Amino acid sequence: MLRRRVRGARLIVATQAPQTRDQLQARLRRAEGQLRGVQRMLGEDAEYREVLTQLAAVKAAVDQVGLLLITERLRSCVTAGEEGCADDFEQAVATFLRHATLSH
């Protein structure tokens, strides 16, 4: 946990260590394994609620990787003092949300 003083007030900010590409790939491999499990469940005629629960878990895992990618890009942009970080962040979030929504 990181503690900072901001204009006389103490601010406590929980920070996560940056995710490495290897860690993100490990997350995706776990999601891939979960998805294979869903395929097995379908082949075994598992109860539909159980399948839906597992599908939601896979989606959440993949979404988490996307959010971590956005977070790390923003962190590196700001740390490097690059210009246009806010625009990059907004575009990344818009792209993420556009593809994260349910489509018919």
PDB file of N, CA and C in Angstrom:
ATOM      1  N   MET A   1       0.836  -1.161   0.000  1.00  0.00           N
ATOM      2  CA  MET A   1       0.000   0.000   0.000  1.00  0.00           C
ATOM      3  C   MET A   1       0.890   1.236   0.000  1.00  0.00           C
ATOM      4  N   LEU A   2       0.517   2.230  -0.762  1.00  0.00           N
ATOM      5  CA  LEU A   2       1.286   3.449  -0.921  1.00  0.00           C
ATOM      6  C   LEU A   2       0.608   4.553  -0.121  1.00  0.00           C
ATOM      7  N   ARG A   3       1.394   5.266   0.665  1.00  0.00           N
ATOM      8  CA  ARG A   3       0.845   6.375   1.438  1.00  0.00           C
ATOM      9  C   ARG A   3       1.456   7.667   0.933  1.00  0.00           C
ATOM     10  N   ARG A   4       0.617   8.655   0.679  1.00  0.00           N
ATOM     11  CA  ARG A   4       1.081   9.949   0.200  1.00  0.00           C
ATOM     12  C   ARG A   4       0.390  11.059   0.973  1.00  0.00           C
ATOM     13  N   ARG A   5       1.093  12.179   1.090  1.00  0.00           N
ATOM     14  CA  ARG A   5       0.472  13.374   1.652  1.00  0.00           C
ATOM     15  C   ARG A   5       0.065  14.281   0.505  1.00  0.00           C
ATOM     16  N   VAL A   6      -1.170  14.686   0.505  1.00  0.00           N
ATOM     17  CA  VAL A   6      -1.678  15.581  -0.520  1.00  0.00           C
ATOM     18  C   VAL A   6      -2.241  16.805   0.164  1.00  0.00           C
ATOM     19  N   ARG A   7      -1.529  17.936   0.053  1.00  0.00           N
ATOM     20  CA  ARG A   7      -1.945  19.207   0.660  1.00  0.00           C
ATOM     21  C   ARG A   7      -2.418  19.029   2.099  1.00  0.00           C
ATOM     22  N   GLY A   8      -1.572  18.427   2.892  1.00  0.00           N
ATOM     23  CA  GLY A   8      -1.853  18.296   4.317  1.00  0.00           C
ATOM     24  C   GLY A   8      -2.678  17.085   4.691  1.00  0.00           C
ATOM     25  N   ALA A   9      -3.363  16.491   3.748  1.00  0.00           N
ATOM     26  CA  ALA A   9      -4.182  15.316   4.046  1.00  0.00           C
ATOM     27  C   ALA A   9      -3.402  14.064   3.660  1.00  0.00           C
ATOM     28  N   ARG A  10      -3.621  13.018   4.384  1.00  0.00           N
ATOM     29  CA  ARG A  10      -2.964  11.764   4.052  1.00  0.00           C
ATOM     30  C   ARG A  10      -3.868  10.959   3.129  1.00  0.00           C
ATOM     31  N   LEU A  11      -3.313  10.534   2.034  1.00  0.00           N
ATOM     32  CA  LEU A  11      -4.052   9.762   1.047  1.00  0.00           C
ATOM     33  C   LEU A  11      -3.443   8.375   0.989  1.00  0.00           C
ATOM     34  N   ILE A  12      -4.268   7.374   1.114  1.00  0.00           N
ATOM     35  CA  ILE A  12      -3.797   5.995   1.019  1.00  0.00           C
ATOM     36  C   ILE A  12      -4.316   5.431  -0.288  1.00  0.00           C
ATOM     37  N   VAL A  13      -3.392   5.010  -1.116  1.00  0.00           N
ATOM     38  CA  VAL A  13      -3.740   4.491  -2.426  1.00  0.00           C
ATOM     39  C   VAL A  13      -3.246   3.055  -2.524  1.00  0.00           C
ATOM     40  N   ALA A  14      -4.138   2.160  -2.829  1.00  0.00           N
ATOM     41  CA  ALA A  14      -3.736   0.766  -3.046  1.00  0.00           C
ATOM     42  C   ALA A  14      -3.211   0.662  -4.470  1.00  0.00           C
ATOM     43  N   THR A  15      -2.004   0.187  -4.607  1.00  0.00           N
ATOM     44  CA  THR A  15      -1.431   0.050  -5.943  1.00  0.00           C
ATOM     45  C   THR A  15      -1.105  -1.404  -6.210  1.00  0.00           C
ATOM     46  N   GLN A  16      -1.216  -1.769  -7.439  1.00  0.00           N
ATOM     47  CA  GLN A  16      -0.845  -3.113  -7.861  1.00  0.00           C
ATOM     48  C   GLN A  16       0.461  -3.008  -8.617  1.00  0.00           C
ATOM     49  N   ALA A  17       1.259  -4.020  -8.501  1.00  0.00           N
ATOM     50  CA  ALA A  17       2.471  -4.074  -9.304  1.00  0.00           C
ATOM     51  C   ALA A  17       2.063  -4.235 -10.757  1.00  0.00           C
ATOM     52  N   PRO A  18       2.794  -3.615 -11.661  1.00  0.00           N
ATOM     53  CA  PRO A  18       2.461  -3.761 -13.081  1.00  0.00           C
ATOM     54  C   PRO A  18       2.487  -5.233 -13.505  1.00  0.00           C
ATOM     55  N   GLN A  19       1.555  -5.589 -14.360  1.00  0.00           N
ATOM     56  CA  GLN A  19       1.480  -6.951 -14.875  1.00  0.00           C
ATOM     57  C   GLN A  19       2.473  -7.098 -16.030  1.00  0.00           C
ATOM     58  N   THR A  20       3.226  -8.153 -16.034  1.00  0.00           N
ATOM     59  CA  THR A  20       4.127  -8.416 -17.148  1.00  0.00           C
ATOM     60  C   THR A  20       3.357  -9.134 -18.241  1.00  0.00           C
ATOM     61  N   ARG A  21       3.914  -9.152 -19.426  1.00  0.00           N
ATOM     62  CA  ARG A  21       3.275  -9.867 -20.544  1.00  0.00           C
ATOM     63  C   ARG A  21       3.110 -11.340 -20.191  1.00  0.00           C
ATOM     64  N   ASP A  22       4.098 -11.911 -19.507  1.00  0.00           N
ATOM     65  CA  ASP A  22       3.999 -13.321 -19.115  1.00  0.00           C
ATOM     66  C   ASP A  22       2.813 -13.552 -18.183  1.00  0.00           C
ATOM     67  N   GLN A  23       2.591 -12.616 -17.248  1.00  0.00           N
ATOM     68  CA  GLN A  23       1.462 -12.753 -16.325  1.00  0.00           C
ATOM     69  C   GLN A  23       0.133 -12.630 -17.072  1.00  0.00           C
ATOM     70  N   LEU A  24       0.076 -11.718 -18.031  1.00  0.00           N
ATOM     71  CA  LEU A  24      -1.153 -11.568 -18.809  1.00  0.00           C
ATOM     72  C   LEU A  24      -1.402 -12.812 -19.658  1.00  0.00           C
ATOM     73  N   GLN A  25      -0.337 -13.369 -20.231  1.00  0.00           N
ATOM     74  CA  GLN A  25      -0.500 -14.591 -21.016  1.00  0.00           C
ATOM     75  C   GLN A  25      -0.935 -15.753 -20.135  1.00  0.00           C
ATOM     76  N   ALA A  26      -0.439 -15.799 -18.904  1.00  0.00           N
ATOM     77  CA  ALA A  26      -0.866 -16.851 -17.972  1.00  0.00           C
ATOM     78  C   ALA A  26      -2.353 -16.718 -17.662  1.00  0.00           C
ATOM     79  N   ARG A  27      -2.821 -15.484 -17.503  1.00  0.00           N
ATOM     80  CA  ARG A  27      -4.252 -15.261 -17.273  1.00  0.00           C
ATOM     81  C   ARG A  27      -5.067 -15.765 -18.457  1.00  0.00           C
ATOM     82  N   LEU A  28      -4.584 -15.481 -19.658  1.00  0.00           N
ATOM     83  CA  LEU A  28      -5.297 -15.929 -20.859  1.00  0.00           C
ATOM     84  C   LEU A  28      -5.279 -17.448 -20.997  1.00  0.00           C
ATOM     85  N   ARG A  29      -4.185 -18.083 -20.609  1.00  0.00           N
ATOM     86  CA  ARG A  29      -4.126 -19.553 -20.650  1.00  0.00           C
ATOM     87  C   ARG A  29      -5.140 -20.150 -19.668  1.00  0.00           C
ATOM     88  N   ARG A  30      -5.284 -19.531 -18.489  1.00  0.00           N
ATOM     89  CA  ARG A  30      -6.293 -20.011 -17.532  1.00  0.00           C
ATOM     90  C   ARG A  30      -7.696 -19.867 -18.120  1.00  0.00           C
ATOM     91  N   ALA A  31      -7.958 -18.730 -18.766  1.00  0.00           N
ATOM     92  CA  ALA A  31      -9.271 -18.516 -19.393  1.00  0.00           C
ATOM     93  C   ALA A  31      -9.497 -19.532 -20.505  1.00  0.00           C
ATOM     94  N   GLU A  32      -8.433 -19.844 -21.245  1.00  0.00           N
ATOM     95  CA  GLU A  32      -8.523 -20.844 -22.301  1.00  0.00           C
ATOM     96  C   GLU A  32      -8.885 -22.210 -21.713  1.00  0.00           C
ATOM     97  N   GLY A  33      -8.280 -22.542 -20.594  1.00  0.00           N
ATOM     98  CA  GLY A  33      -8.614 -23.793 -19.912  1.00  0.00           C
ATOM     99  C   GLY A  33     -10.052 -23.815 -19.443  1.00  0.00           C
ATOM    100  N   GLN A  34     -10.510 -22.674 -18.927  1.00  0.00           N
ATOM    101  CA  GLN A  34     -11.917 -22.584 -18.500  1.00  0.00           C
ATOM    102  C   GLN A  34     -12.841 -22.787 -19.693  1.00  0.00           C
ATOM    103  N   LEU A  35     -12.487 -22.205 -20.825  1.00  0.00           N
ATOM    104  CA  LEU A  35     -13.317 -22.331 -22.012  1.00  0.00           C
ATOM    105  C   LEU A  35     -13.365 -23.778 -22.512  1.00  0.00           C
ATOM    106  N   ARG A  36     -12.228 -24.463 -22.443  1.00  0.00           N
ATOM    107  CA  ARG A  36     -12.231 -25.894 -22.795  1.00  0.00           C
ATOM    108  C   ARG A  36     -13.149 -26.667 -21.842  1.00  0.00           C
ATOM    109  N   GLY A  37     -13.160 -26.257 -20.574  1.00  0.00           N
ATOM    110  CA  GLY A  37     -14.059 -26.885 -19.609  1.00  0.00           C
ATOM    111  C   GLY A  37     -15.513 -26.665 -19.976  1.00  0.00           C
ATOM    112  N   VAL A  38     -15.835 -25.487 -20.469  1.00  0.00           N
ATOM    113  CA  VAL A  38     -17.205 -25.194 -20.909  1.00  0.00           C
ATOM    114  C   VAL A  38     -17.566 -26.099 -22.089  1.00  0.00           C
ATOM    115  N   GLN A  39     -16.629 -26.278 -23.008  1.00  0.00           N
ATOM    116  CA  GLN A  39     -16.891 -27.163 -24.147  1.00  0.00           C
ATOM    117  C   GLN A  39     -17.172 -28.583 -23.678  1.00  0.00           C
ATOM    118  N   ARG A  40     -16.391 -29.054 -22.699  1.00  0.00           N
ATOM    119  CA  ARG A  40     -16.633 -30.396 -22.134  1.00  0.00           C
ATOM    120  C   ARG A  40     -18.021 -30.463 -21.491  1.00  0.00           C
ATOM    121  N   MET A  41     -18.355 -29.397 -20.753  1.00  0.00           N
ATOM    122  CA  MET A  41     -19.659 -29.368 -20.090  1.00  0.00           C
ATOM    123  C   MET A  41     -20.788 -29.488 -21.109  1.00  0.00           C
ATOM    124  N   LEU A  42     -20.642 -28.794 -22.233  1.00  0.00           N
ATOM    125  CA  LEU A  42     -21.667 -28.873 -23.273  1.00  0.00           C
ATOM    126  C   LEU A  42     -21.754 -30.281 -23.847  1.00  0.00           C
ATOM    127  N   GLY A  43     -20.605 -30.900 -24.049  1.00  0.00           N
ATOM    128  CA  GLY A  43     -20.573 -32.267 -24.567  1.00  0.00           C
ATOM    129  C   GLY A  43     -21.186 -33.269 -23.601  1.00  0.00           C
ATOM    130  N   GLU A  44     -21.136 -32.939 -22.323  1.00  0.00           N
ATOM    131  CA  GLU A  44     -21.677 -33.829 -21.289  1.00  0.00           C
ATOM    132  C   GLU A  44     -23.095 -33.441 -20.883  1.00  0.00           C
ATOM    133  N   ASP A  45     -23.694 -32.509 -21.619  1.00  0.00           N
ATOM    134  CA  ASP A  45     -25.061 -32.031 -21.329  1.00  0.00           C
ATOM    135  C   ASP A  45     -25.203 -31.511 -19.898  1.00  0.00           C
ATOM    136  N   ALA A  46     -24.235 -30.704 -19.472  1.00  0.00           N
ATOM    137  CA  ALA A  46     -24.296 -30.117 -18.132  1.00  0.00           C
ATOM    138  C   ALA A  46     -25.486 -29.171 -18.031  1.00  0.00           C
ATOM    139  N   GLU A  47     -25.910 -28.948 -16.822  1.00  0.00           N
ATOM    140  CA  GLU A  47     -27.035 -28.056 -16.549  1.00  0.00           C
ATOM    141  C   GLU A  47     -26.696 -26.657 -17.068  1.00  0.00           C
ATOM    142  N   TYR A  48     -27.645 -26.021 -17.751  1.00  0.00           N
ATOM    143  CA  TYR A  48     -27.367 -24.772 -18.454  1.00  0.00           C
ATOM    144  C   TYR A  48     -26.904 -23.654 -17.528  1.00  0.00           C
ATOM    145  N   ARG A  49     -27.394 -23.603 -16.303  1.00  0.00           N
ATOM    146  CA  ARG A  49     -26.962 -22.547 -15.373  1.00  0.00           C
ATOM    147  C   ARG A  49     -25.484 -22.686 -15.024  1.00  0.00           C
ATOM    148  N   GLU A  50     -25.026 -23.919 -14.884  1.00  0.00           N
ATOM    149  CA  GLU A  50     -23.604 -24.156 -14.605  1.00  0.00           C
ATOM    150  C   GLU A  50     -22.746 -23.698 -15.785  1.00  0.00           C
ATOM    151  N   VAL A  51     -23.223 -23.985 -17.007  1.00  0.00           N
ATOM    152  CA  VAL A  51     -22.494 -23.571 -18.204  1.00  0.00           C
ATOM    153  C   VAL A  51     -22.441 -22.048 -18.277  1.00  0.00           C
ATOM    154  N   LEU A  52     -23.569 -21.400 -18.031  1.00  0.00           N
ATOM    155  CA  LEU A  52     -23.610 -19.938 -18.067  1.00  0.00           C
ATOM    156  C   LEU A  52     -22.680 -19.321 -17.012  1.00  0.00           C
ATOM    157  N   THR A  53     -22.626 -19.928 -15.848  1.00  0.00           N
ATOM    158  CA  THR A  53     -21.730 -19.441 -14.797  1.00  0.00           C
ATOM    159  C   THR A  53     -20.284 -19.525 -15.242  1.00  0.00           C
ATOM    160  N   GLN A  54     -19.917 -20.628 -15.866  1.00  0.00           N
ATOM    161  CA  GLN A  54     -18.547 -20.786 -16.349  1.00  0.00           C
ATOM    162  C   GLN A  54     -18.245 -19.843 -17.509  1.00  0.00           C
ATOM    163  N   LEU A  55     -19.217 -19.618 -18.385  1.00  0.00           N
ATOM    164  CA  LEU A  55     -19.030 -18.656 -19.472  1.00  0.00           C
ATOM    165  C   LEU A  55     -18.797 -17.250 -18.917  1.00  0.00           C
ATOM    166  N   ALA A  56     -19.548 -16.895 -17.895  1.00  0.00           N
ATOM    167  CA  ALA A  56     -19.373 -15.580 -17.268  1.00  0.00           C
ATOM    168  C   ALA A  56     -17.983 -15.459 -16.656  1.00  0.00           C
ATOM    169  N   ALA A  57     -17.480 -16.543 -16.086  1.00  0.00           N
ATOM    170  CA  ALA A  57     -16.140 -16.531 -15.496  1.00  0.00           C
ATOM    171  C   ALA A  57     -15.070 -16.342 -16.572  1.00  0.00           C
ATOM    172  N   VAL A  58     -15.247 -17.002 -17.716  1.00  0.00           N
ATOM    173  CA  VAL A  58     -14.297 -16.849 -18.828  1.00  0.00           C
ATOM    174  C   VAL A  58     -14.312 -15.414 -19.325  1.00  0.00           C
ATOM    175  N   LYS A  59     -15.503 -14.872 -19.516  1.00  0.00           N
ATOM    176  CA  LYS A  59     -15.627 -13.496 -19.999  1.00  0.00           C
ATOM    177  C   LYS A  59     -14.988 -12.524 -19.027  1.00  0.00           C
ATOM    178  N   ALA A  60     -15.218 -12.725 -17.739  1.00  0.00           N
ATOM    179  CA  ALA A  60     -14.632 -11.840 -16.737  1.00  0.00           C
ATOM    180  C   ALA A  60     -13.105 -11.911 -16.760  1.00  0.00           C
ATOM    181  N   ALA A  61     -12.569 -13.104 -16.944  1.00  0.00           N
ATOM    182  CA  ALA A  61     -11.115 -13.271 -16.985  1.00  0.00           C
ATOM    183  C   ALA A  61     -10.515 -12.549 -18.193  1.00  0.00           C
ATOM    184  N   VAL A  62     -11.155 -12.667 -19.339  1.00  0.00           N
ATOM    185  CA  VAL A  62     -10.664 -12.004 -20.543  1.00  0.00           C
ATOM    186  C   VAL A  62     -10.823 -10.489 -20.416  1.00  0.00           C
ATOM    187  N   ASP A  63     -11.951 -10.042 -19.888  1.00  0.00           N
ATOM    188  CA  ASP A  63     -12.155  -8.607 -19.664  1.00  0.00           C
ATOM    189  C   ASP A  63     -11.091  -8.038 -18.735  1.00  0.00           C
ATOM    190  N   GLN A  64     -10.725  -8.804 -17.718  1.00  0.00           N
ATOM    191  CA  GLN A  64      -9.701  -8.355 -16.765  1.00  0.00           C
ATOM    192  C   GLN A  64      -8.365  -8.130 -17.463  1.00  0.00           C
ATOM    193  N   VAL A  65      -8.018  -8.999 -18.401  1.00  0.00           N
ATOM    194  CA  VAL A  65      -6.778  -8.820 -19.158  1.00  0.00           C
ATOM    195  C   VAL A  65      -6.848  -7.520 -19.954  1.00  0.00           C
ATOM    196  N   GLY A  66      -7.978  -7.252 -20.578  1.00  0.00           N
ATOM    197  CA  GLY A  66      -8.147  -6.006 -21.329  1.00  0.00           C
ATOM    198  C   GLY A  66      -7.992  -4.788 -20.439  1.00  0.00           C
ATOM    199  N   LEU A  67      -8.609  -4.826 -19.280  1.00  0.00           N
ATOM    200  CA  LEU A  67      -8.497  -3.697 -18.349  1.00  0.00           C
ATOM    201  C   LEU A  67      -7.073  -3.517 -17.855  1.00  0.00           C
ATOM    202  N   LEU A  68      -6.381  -4.620 -17.613  1.00  0.00           N
ATOM    203  CA  LEU A  68      -4.982  -4.530 -17.181  1.00  0.00           C
ATOM    204  C   LEU A  68      -4.103  -3.949 -18.279  1.00  0.00           C
ATOM    205  N   LEU A  69      -4.378  -4.312 -19.530  1.00  0.00           N
ATOM    206  CA  LEU A  69      -3.626  -3.733 -20.644  1.00  0.00           C
ATOM    207  C   LEU A  69      -3.829  -2.223 -20.717  1.00  0.00           C
ATOM    208  N   ILE A  70      -5.068  -1.789 -20.569  1.00  0.00           N
ATOM    209  CA  ILE A  70      -5.366  -0.359 -20.584  1.00  0.00           C
ATOM    210  C   ILE A  70      -4.654   0.339 -19.429  1.00  0.00           C
ATOM    211  N   THR A  71      -4.718  -0.252 -18.243  1.00  0.00           N
ATOM    212  CA  THR A  71      -4.081   0.328 -17.058  1.00  0.00           C
ATOM    213  C   THR A  71      -2.580   0.465 -17.244  1.00  0.00           C
ATOM    214  N   GLU A  72      -1.950  -0.585 -17.749  1.00  0.00           N
ATOM    215  CA  GLU A  72      -0.498  -0.548 -17.937  1.00  0.00           C
ATOM    216  C   GLU A  72      -0.095   0.463 -18.994  1.00  0.00           C
ATOM    217  N   ARG A  73      -0.890   0.586 -20.046  1.00  0.00           N
ATOM    218  CA  ARG A  73      -0.575   1.582 -21.084  1.00  0.00           C
ATOM    219  C   ARG A  73      -0.672   2.987 -20.506  1.00  0.00           C
ATOM    220  N   LEU A  74      -1.712   3.251 -19.740  1.00  0.00           N
ATOM    221  CA  LEU A  74      -1.858   4.570 -19.129  1.00  0.00           C
ATOM    222  C   LEU A  74      -0.717   4.837 -18.158  1.00  0.00           C
ATOM    223  N   ARG A  75      -0.374   3.846 -17.360  1.00  0.00           N
ATOM    224  CA  ARG A  75       0.712   3.994 -16.391  1.00  0.00           C
ATOM    225  C   ARG A  75       2.035   4.321 -17.099  1.00  0.00           C
ATOM    226  N   SER A  76       2.337   3.591 -18.164  1.00  0.00           N
ATOM    227  CA  SER A  76       3.607   3.826 -18.865  1.00  0.00           C
ATOM    228  C   SER A  76       3.595   5.163 -19.589  1.00  0.00           C
ATOM    229  N   CYS A  77       2.457   5.551 -20.122  1.00  0.00           N
ATOM    230  CA  CYS A  77       2.333   6.831 -20.818  1.00  0.00           C
ATOM    231  C   CYS A  77       2.578   7.995 -19.862  1.00  0.00           C
ATOM    232  N   VAL A  78       1.939   7.945 -18.711  1.00  0.00           N
ATOM    233  CA  VAL A  78       2.079   9.016 -17.724  1.00  0.00           C
ATOM    234  C   VAL A  78       3.493   9.034 -17.152  1.00  0.00           C
ATOM    235  N   THR A  79       4.032   7.869 -16.833  1.00  0.00           N
ATOM    236  CA  THR A  79       5.378   7.773 -16.269  1.00  0.00           C
ATOM    237  C   THR A  79       6.417   8.337 -17.234  1.00  0.00           C
ATOM    238  N   ALA A  80       6.247   8.070 -18.519  1.00  0.00           N
ATOM    239  CA  ALA A  80       7.193   8.548 -19.526  1.00  0.00           C
ATOM    240  C   ALA A  80       6.970  10.021 -19.874  1.00  0.00           C
ATOM    241  N   GLY A  81       5.907  10.594 -19.346  1.00  0.00           N
ATOM    242  CA  GLY A  81       5.616  11.992 -19.624  1.00  0.00           C
ATOM    243  C   GLY A  81       5.157  12.241 -21.047  1.00  0.00           C
ATOM    244  N   GLU A  82       4.583  11.227 -21.659  1.00  0.00           N
ATOM    245  CA  GLU A  82       4.102  11.366 -23.031  1.00  0.00           C
ATOM    246  C   GLU A  82       2.891  12.288 -23.077  1.00  0.00           C
ATOM    247  N   GLU A  83       2.739  12.942 -24.210  1.00  0.00           N
ATOM    248  CA  GLU A  83       1.552  13.766 -24.411  1.00  0.00           C
ATOM    249  C   GLU A  83       0.450  12.915 -25.013  1.00  0.00           C
ATOM    250  N   GLY A  84      -0.769  13.300 -24.794  1.00  0.00           N
ATOM    251  CA  GLY A  84      -1.889  12.584 -25.380  1.00  0.00           C
ATOM    252  C   GLY A  84      -2.330  11.365 -24.593  1.00  0.00           C
ATOM    253  N   CYS A  85      -1.870  11.239 -23.344  1.00  0.00           N
ATOM    254  CA  CYS A  85      -2.254  10.069 -22.540  1.00  0.00           C
ATOM    255  C   CYS A  85      -3.766   9.992 -22.345  1.00  0.00           C
ATOM    256  N   ALA A  86      -4.376  11.141 -22.081  1.00  0.00           N
ATOM    257  CA  ALA A  86      -5.824  11.149 -21.847  1.00  0.00           C
ATOM    258  C   ALA A  86      -6.569  10.692 -23.090  1.00  0.00           C
ATOM    259  N   ASP A  87      -6.136  11.167 -24.260  1.00  0.00           N
ATOM    260  CA  ASP A  87      -6.785  10.753 -25.500  1.00  0.00           C
ATOM    261  C   ASP A  87      -6.598   9.261 -25.747  1.00  0.00           C
ATOM    262  N   ASP A  88      -5.365   8.771 -25.541  1.00  0.00           N
ATOM    263  CA  ASP A  88      -5.109   7.336 -25.701  1.00  0.00           C
ATOM    264  C   ASP A  88      -5.988   6.520 -24.773  1.00  0.00           C
ATOM    265  N   PHE A  89      -6.095   6.973 -23.522  1.00  0.00           N
ATOM    266  CA  PHE A  89      -6.901   6.265 -22.527  1.00  0.00           C
ATOM    267  C   PHE A  89      -8.367   6.229 -22.957  1.00  0.00           C
ATOM    268  N   GLU A  90      -8.895   7.375 -23.378  1.00  0.00           N
ATOM    269  CA  GLU A  90     -10.297   7.434 -23.795  1.00  0.00           C
ATOM    270  C   GLU A  90     -10.571   6.529 -24.991  1.00  0.00           C
ATOM    271  N   GLN A  91      -9.646   6.517 -25.960  1.00  0.00           N
ATOM    272  CA  GLN A  91      -9.818   5.657 -27.133  1.00  0.00           C
ATOM    273  C   GLN A  91      -9.762   4.185 -26.745  1.00  0.00           C
ATOM    274  N   ALA A  92      -8.834   3.845 -25.860  1.00  0.00           N
ATOM    275  CA  ALA A  92      -8.708   2.451 -25.425  1.00  0.00           C
ATOM    276  C   ALA A  92      -9.966   1.996 -24.692  1.00  0.00           C
ATOM    277  N   VAL A  93     -10.472   2.828 -23.803  1.00  0.00           N
ATOM    278  CA  VAL A  93     -11.679   2.475 -23.051  1.00  0.00           C
ATOM    279  C   VAL A  93     -12.872   2.360 -23.996  1.00  0.00           C
ATOM    280  N   ALA A  94     -12.982   3.278 -24.951  1.00  0.00           N
ATOM    281  CA  ALA A  94     -14.094   3.220 -25.912  1.00  0.00           C
ATOM    282  C   ALA A  94     -14.038   1.923 -26.723  1.00  0.00           C
ATOM    283  N   THR A  95     -12.848   1.557 -27.163  1.00  0.00           N
ATOM    284  CA  THR A  95     -12.684   0.313 -27.917  1.00  0.00           C
ATOM    285  C   THR A  95     -13.063  -0.882 -27.059  1.00  0.00           C
ATOM    286  N   PHE A  96     -12.560  -0.886 -25.828  1.00  0.00           N
ATOM    287  CA  PHE A  96     -12.851  -1.986 -24.905  1.00  0.00           C
ATOM    288  C   PHE A  96     -14.362  -2.111 -24.680  1.00  0.00           C
ATOM    289  N   LEU A  97     -15.014  -0.998 -24.392  1.00  0.00           N
ATOM    290  CA  LEU A  97     -16.450  -1.036 -24.108  1.00  0.00           C
ATOM    291  C   LEU A  97     -17.258  -1.409 -25.340  1.00  0.00           C
ATOM    292  N   ARG A  98     -16.821  -0.964 -26.506  1.00  0.00           N
ATOM    293  CA  ARG A  98     -17.543  -1.290 -27.737  1.00  0.00           C
ATOM    294  C   ARG A  98     -17.540  -2.808 -27.959  1.00  0.00           C
ATOM    295  N   HIS A  99     -16.436  -3.454 -27.660  1.00  0.00           N
ATOM    296  CA  HIS A  99     -16.341  -4.895 -27.883  1.00  0.00           C
ATOM    297  C   HIS A  99     -16.776  -5.723 -26.678  1.00  0.00           C
ATOM    298  N   ALA A 100     -16.914  -5.086 -25.541  1.00  0.00           N
ATOM    299  CA  ALA A 100     -17.308  -5.800 -24.336  1.00  0.00           C
ATOM    300  C   ALA A 100     -18.823  -5.930 -24.205  1.00  0.00           C
ATOM    301  N   THR A 101     -19.553  -5.164 -25.010  1.00  0.00           N
ATOM    302  CA  THR A 101     -21.006  -5.219 -24.907  1.00  0.00           C
ATOM    303  C   THR A 101     -21.554  -6.443 -25.632  1.00  0.00           C
ATOM    304  N   LEU A 102     -22.735  -6.859 -25.234  1.00  0.00           N
ATOM    305  CA  LEU A 102     -23.371  -8.008 -25.868  1.00  0.00           C
ATOM    306  C   LEU A 102     -23.911  -7.588 -27.219  1.00  0.00           C
ATOM    307  N   SER A 103     -23.703  -8.426 -28.202  1.00  0.00           N
ATOM    308  CA  SER A 103     -24.263  -8.157 -29.535  1.00  0.00           C
ATOM    309  C   SER A 103     -25.184  -9.313 -29.903  1.00  0.00           C
ATOM    310  N   HIS A 104     -26.094  -9.034 -30.795  1.00  0.00           N
ATOM    311  CA  HIS A 104     -27.067 -10.067 -31.197  1.00  0.00           C
ATOM    312  C   HIS A 104     -26.609 -10.740 -32.448  1.00  0.00           C
TER     313      HIS A 104
END
